[in-house]
């Protein structure tokens, strides 16, 4: 494997991470919108029957949506961004 091959793979992986963060934030936006329309006690049954994601994943996506994260940080991926936020990093800059 050459250095060029590794660079191509790294670039593809970075594109996937960026895309995943964008999609997670978009899902979080839609979940936040839907949750606001539901009555008390309807949220968990809605997630369990309709979404196909765990309650925790939904919470994480909604949390990401509500964070002021600069796009330059998307390259870290969703899990690393969540870790960075929990550690107190300011991703708005």
N, C-alpha and C. Protein backbone atom coordinates (compact mmCIF):
# COMPACT_ATOMS: atom_id res chain seq x y z
N UNK A 1 0.85 -1.18 0.00
CA UNK A 1 0.00 0.00 0.00
C UNK A 1 0.90 1.24 0.00
N UNK A 2 0.56 2.18 -0.82
CA UNK A 2 1.36 3.39 -0.93
C UNK A 2 0.80 4.50 -0.05
N UNK A 3 1.58 5.53 0.10
CA UNK A 3 1.14 6.70 0.87
C UNK A 3 -0.09 7.33 0.22
N UNK A 4 -0.17 7.30 -1.10
CA UNK A 4 -1.33 7.84 -1.81
C UNK A 4 -2.59 7.03 -1.47
N UNK A 5 -2.46 5.71 -1.40
CA UNK A 5 -3.60 4.86 -1.04
C UNK A 5 -4.11 5.20 0.35
N UNK A 6 -3.20 5.37 1.28
CA UNK A 6 -3.57 5.70 2.66
C UNK A 6 -4.26 7.06 2.71
N UNK A 7 -3.75 8.01 1.97
CA UNK A 7 -4.35 9.34 1.93
C UNK A 7 -5.76 9.28 1.36
N UNK A 8 -5.96 8.50 0.33
CA UNK A 8 -7.30 8.34 -0.25
C UNK A 8 -8.25 7.76 0.79
N UNK A 9 -7.80 6.73 1.50
CA UNK A 9 -8.65 6.11 2.53
C UNK A 9 -8.96 7.10 3.64
N UNK A 10 -7.95 7.83 4.10
CA UNK A 10 -8.16 8.82 5.16
C UNK A 10 -9.17 9.88 4.72
N UNK A 11 -9.07 10.34 3.49
CA UNK A 11 -10.01 11.34 2.98
C UNK A 11 -11.42 10.80 2.93
N UNK A 12 -11.58 9.55 2.51
CA UNK A 12 -12.91 8.94 2.46
C UNK A 12 -13.50 8.79 3.86
N UNK A 13 -12.68 8.36 4.80
CA UNK A 13 -13.14 8.22 6.18
C UNK A 13 -13.56 9.58 6.74
N UNK A 14 -12.79 10.61 6.47
CA UNK A 14 -13.13 11.95 6.94
C UNK A 14 -14.44 12.44 6.33
N UNK A 15 -14.65 12.15 5.06
CA UNK A 15 -15.92 12.52 4.41
C UNK A 15 -17.10 11.81 5.08
N UNK A 16 -16.90 10.55 5.44
CA UNK A 16 -17.96 9.80 6.13
C UNK A 16 -18.25 10.42 7.48
N UNK A 17 -17.22 10.76 8.24
CA UNK A 17 -17.42 11.38 9.56
C UNK A 17 -18.20 12.68 9.43
N UNK A 18 -17.81 13.52 8.50
CA UNK A 18 -18.48 14.80 8.29
C UNK A 18 -19.94 14.58 7.91
N UNK A 19 -20.18 13.67 7.00
CA UNK A 19 -21.54 13.36 6.57
C UNK A 19 -22.38 12.83 7.73
N UNK A 20 -21.80 11.97 8.55
CA UNK A 20 -22.53 11.41 9.69
C UNK A 20 -22.92 12.48 10.70
N UNK A 21 -22.02 13.42 10.96
CA UNK A 21 -22.35 14.50 11.90
C UNK A 21 -23.48 15.35 11.33
N UNK A 22 -23.41 15.69 10.06
CA UNK A 22 -24.47 16.49 9.44
C UNK A 22 -25.81 15.77 9.53
N UNK A 23 -25.80 14.48 9.25
CA UNK A 23 -27.05 13.70 9.31
C UNK A 23 -27.56 13.57 10.74
N UNK A 24 -26.67 13.38 11.70
CA UNK A 24 -27.08 13.27 13.09
C UNK A 24 -27.75 14.58 13.54
N UNK A 25 -27.17 15.70 13.15
CA UNK A 25 -27.75 17.00 13.51
C UNK A 25 -29.11 17.18 12.84
N UNK A 26 -29.24 16.77 11.60
CA UNK A 26 -30.52 16.88 10.90
C UNK A 26 -31.58 15.99 11.55
N UNK A 27 -31.20 14.78 11.93
CA UNK A 27 -32.13 13.89 12.64
C UNK A 27 -32.50 14.52 13.97
N UNK A 28 -31.52 15.07 14.67
CA UNK A 28 -31.79 15.73 15.94
C UNK A 28 -32.76 16.89 15.79
N UNK A 29 -32.63 17.62 14.71
CA UNK A 29 -33.55 18.73 14.43
C UNK A 29 -34.98 18.21 14.27
N UNK A 30 -35.13 17.16 13.47
CA UNK A 30 -36.46 16.60 13.24
C UNK A 30 -37.04 15.98 14.50
N UNK A 31 -36.21 15.28 15.28
CA UNK A 31 -36.68 14.70 16.54
C UNK A 31 -37.13 15.79 17.50
N UNK A 32 -36.37 16.86 17.57
CA UNK A 32 -36.73 17.99 18.44
C UNK A 32 -38.07 18.58 18.02
N UNK A 33 -38.26 18.73 16.72
CA UNK A 33 -39.51 19.28 16.20
C UNK A 33 -40.68 18.35 16.53
N UNK A 34 -40.51 17.06 16.31
CA UNK A 34 -41.58 16.10 16.56
C UNK A 34 -41.89 16.01 18.05
N UNK A 35 -40.86 15.96 18.88
CA UNK A 35 -41.09 15.86 20.33
C UNK A 35 -41.94 17.01 20.83
N UNK A 36 -41.72 18.20 20.27
CA UNK A 36 -42.48 19.38 20.70
C UNK A 36 -43.97 19.26 20.38
N UNK A 37 -44.33 18.39 19.43
CA UNK A 37 -45.74 18.24 19.06
C UNK A 37 -46.45 17.13 19.84
N UNK A 38 -45.68 16.32 20.56
CA UNK A 38 -46.27 15.19 21.27
C UNK A 38 -46.69 15.56 22.68
N UNK A 39 -47.68 14.85 23.15
CA UNK A 39 -48.14 15.04 24.52
C UNK A 39 -47.21 14.30 25.49
N UNK A 40 -47.30 14.68 26.74
CA UNK A 40 -46.50 14.02 27.78
C UNK A 40 -46.77 12.52 27.74
N UNK A 41 -45.70 11.75 27.78
CA UNK A 41 -45.82 10.30 27.80
C UNK A 41 -45.84 9.65 26.42
N UNK A 42 -45.85 10.44 25.36
CA UNK A 42 -45.91 9.88 24.00
C UNK A 42 -44.53 9.73 23.35
N UNK A 43 -43.54 10.40 23.91
CA UNK A 43 -42.23 10.45 23.28
C UNK A 43 -41.55 9.07 23.21
N UNK A 44 -41.43 8.40 24.34
CA UNK A 44 -40.74 7.10 24.37
C UNK A 44 -41.48 6.08 23.50
N UNK A 45 -42.80 5.95 23.62
CA UNK A 45 -43.49 5.01 22.72
C UNK A 45 -43.29 5.37 21.24
N UNK A 46 -43.24 6.66 20.93
CA UNK A 46 -42.99 7.07 19.55
C UNK A 46 -41.62 6.59 19.08
N UNK A 47 -40.61 6.82 19.90
CA UNK A 47 -39.25 6.39 19.54
C UNK A 47 -39.22 4.87 19.34
N UNK A 48 -39.80 4.15 20.30
CA UNK A 48 -39.74 2.69 20.25
C UNK A 48 -40.47 2.11 19.05
N UNK A 49 -41.54 2.74 18.64
CA UNK A 49 -42.35 2.18 17.56
C UNK A 49 -42.02 2.73 16.17
N UNK A 50 -41.39 3.89 16.11
CA UNK A 50 -41.27 4.56 14.82
C UNK A 50 -39.86 4.89 14.36
N UNK A 51 -38.94 5.10 15.26
CA UNK A 51 -37.67 5.71 14.89
C UNK A 51 -36.60 4.69 14.52
N UNK A 52 -36.50 3.62 15.26
CA UNK A 52 -35.46 2.63 14.98
C UNK A 52 -34.11 2.98 15.58
N UNK A 53 -34.11 3.92 16.52
CA UNK A 53 -32.89 4.30 17.25
C UNK A 53 -33.17 4.17 18.73
N UNK A 54 -32.13 3.99 19.52
CA UNK A 54 -32.32 3.92 20.96
C UNK A 54 -32.69 5.31 21.50
N UNK A 55 -33.28 5.31 22.68
CA UNK A 55 -33.62 6.58 23.33
C UNK A 55 -32.36 7.43 23.51
N UNK A 56 -31.26 6.79 23.90
CA UNK A 56 -30.01 7.50 24.13
C UNK A 56 -29.47 8.14 22.84
N UNK A 57 -29.53 7.39 21.75
CA UNK A 57 -29.07 7.94 20.48
C UNK A 57 -29.91 9.13 20.07
N UNK A 58 -31.21 9.03 20.25
CA UNK A 58 -32.10 10.16 19.94
C UNK A 58 -31.73 11.37 20.79
N UNK A 59 -31.49 11.13 22.08
CA UNK A 59 -31.10 12.23 22.96
C UNK A 59 -29.79 12.87 22.50
N UNK A 60 -28.83 12.02 22.11
CA UNK A 60 -27.55 12.55 21.64
C UNK A 60 -27.71 13.38 20.38
N UNK A 61 -28.51 12.92 19.44
CA UNK A 61 -28.72 13.66 18.21
C UNK A 61 -29.42 14.99 18.48
N UNK A 62 -30.40 14.98 19.37
CA UNK A 62 -31.08 16.22 19.73
C UNK A 62 -30.12 17.18 20.43
N UNK A 63 -29.28 16.62 21.28
CA UNK A 63 -28.26 17.43 21.96
C UNK A 63 -27.32 18.07 20.95
N UNK A 64 -26.84 17.28 19.98
CA UNK A 64 -25.96 17.82 18.95
C UNK A 64 -26.64 18.94 18.17
N UNK A 65 -27.91 18.76 17.86
CA UNK A 65 -28.66 19.78 17.12
C UNK A 65 -28.69 21.10 17.89
N UNK A 66 -28.76 21.01 19.19
CA UNK A 66 -28.89 22.21 20.02
C UNK A 66 -27.55 22.83 20.42
N UNK A 67 -26.46 22.28 19.91
CA UNK A 67 -25.13 22.81 20.22
C UNK A 67 -24.63 23.71 19.08
N UNK A 68 -23.95 24.79 19.43
CA UNK A 68 -23.36 25.65 18.39
C UNK A 68 -22.00 25.09 17.94
N UNK A 69 -22.02 24.12 17.07
CA UNK A 69 -20.80 23.45 16.63
C UNK A 69 -20.38 23.98 15.26
N UNK A 70 -19.18 24.49 15.17
CA UNK A 70 -18.65 24.94 13.89
C UNK A 70 -18.37 23.72 13.01
N UNK A 71 -18.65 23.85 11.72
CA UNK A 71 -18.48 22.72 10.80
C UNK A 71 -17.05 22.19 10.75
N UNK A 72 -16.08 23.01 11.05
CA UNK A 72 -14.69 22.54 11.00
C UNK A 72 -14.44 21.40 12.00
N UNK A 73 -15.31 21.26 13.00
CA UNK A 73 -15.17 20.20 13.99
C UNK A 73 -15.85 18.89 13.56
N UNK A 74 -16.66 18.93 12.53
CA UNK A 74 -17.38 17.74 12.08
C UNK A 74 -16.45 16.59 11.72
N UNK A 75 -15.23 16.91 11.34
CA UNK A 75 -14.26 15.89 10.94
C UNK A 75 -13.95 14.91 12.08
N UNK A 76 -14.26 15.29 13.31
CA UNK A 76 -14.01 14.43 14.46
C UNK A 76 -15.03 13.29 14.57
N UNK A 77 -16.19 13.44 13.95
CA UNK A 77 -17.23 12.43 14.04
C UNK A 77 -18.12 12.64 15.25
N UNK A 78 -19.28 12.01 15.24
CA UNK A 78 -20.28 12.26 16.29
C UNK A 78 -19.81 11.84 17.68
N UNK A 79 -19.22 10.67 17.81
CA UNK A 79 -18.80 10.20 19.13
C UNK A 79 -17.73 11.09 19.74
N UNK A 80 -16.75 11.46 18.95
CA UNK A 80 -15.67 12.31 19.46
C UNK A 80 -16.20 13.71 19.79
N UNK A 81 -17.11 14.23 18.99
CA UNK A 81 -17.70 15.54 19.29
C UNK A 81 -18.46 15.49 20.61
N UNK A 82 -19.22 14.42 20.82
CA UNK A 82 -19.95 14.28 22.10
C UNK A 82 -18.96 14.26 23.27
N UNK A 83 -17.87 13.53 23.11
CA UNK A 83 -16.84 13.45 24.15
C UNK A 83 -16.23 14.82 24.39
N UNK A 84 -15.91 15.54 23.33
CA UNK A 84 -15.30 16.86 23.46
C UNK A 84 -16.24 17.82 24.19
N UNK A 85 -17.52 17.76 23.88
CA UNK A 85 -18.49 18.64 24.55
C UNK A 85 -18.57 18.28 26.03
N UNK A 86 -18.64 16.98 26.33
CA UNK A 86 -18.69 16.55 27.74
C UNK A 86 -17.45 17.00 28.51
N UNK A 87 -16.32 17.07 27.82
CA UNK A 87 -15.06 17.50 28.47
C UNK A 87 -14.96 19.03 28.56
N UNK A 88 -15.95 19.73 28.04
CA UNK A 88 -15.98 21.18 28.17
C UNK A 88 -15.36 21.97 27.04
N UNK A 89 -15.04 21.31 25.94
CA UNK A 89 -14.48 22.03 24.79
C UNK A 89 -15.53 22.93 24.16
N UNK A 90 -15.12 24.10 23.77
CA UNK A 90 -16.01 25.03 23.08
C UNK A 90 -15.88 24.81 21.58
N UNK A 91 -16.88 24.17 20.98
CA UNK A 91 -16.84 23.86 19.55
C UNK A 91 -17.56 24.93 18.72
N UNK A 92 -17.91 26.02 19.36
CA UNK A 92 -18.56 27.10 18.63
C UNK A 92 -17.56 28.02 17.94
N UNK A 93 -16.30 27.78 18.22
CA UNK A 93 -15.23 28.60 17.61
C UNK A 93 -14.38 27.77 16.69
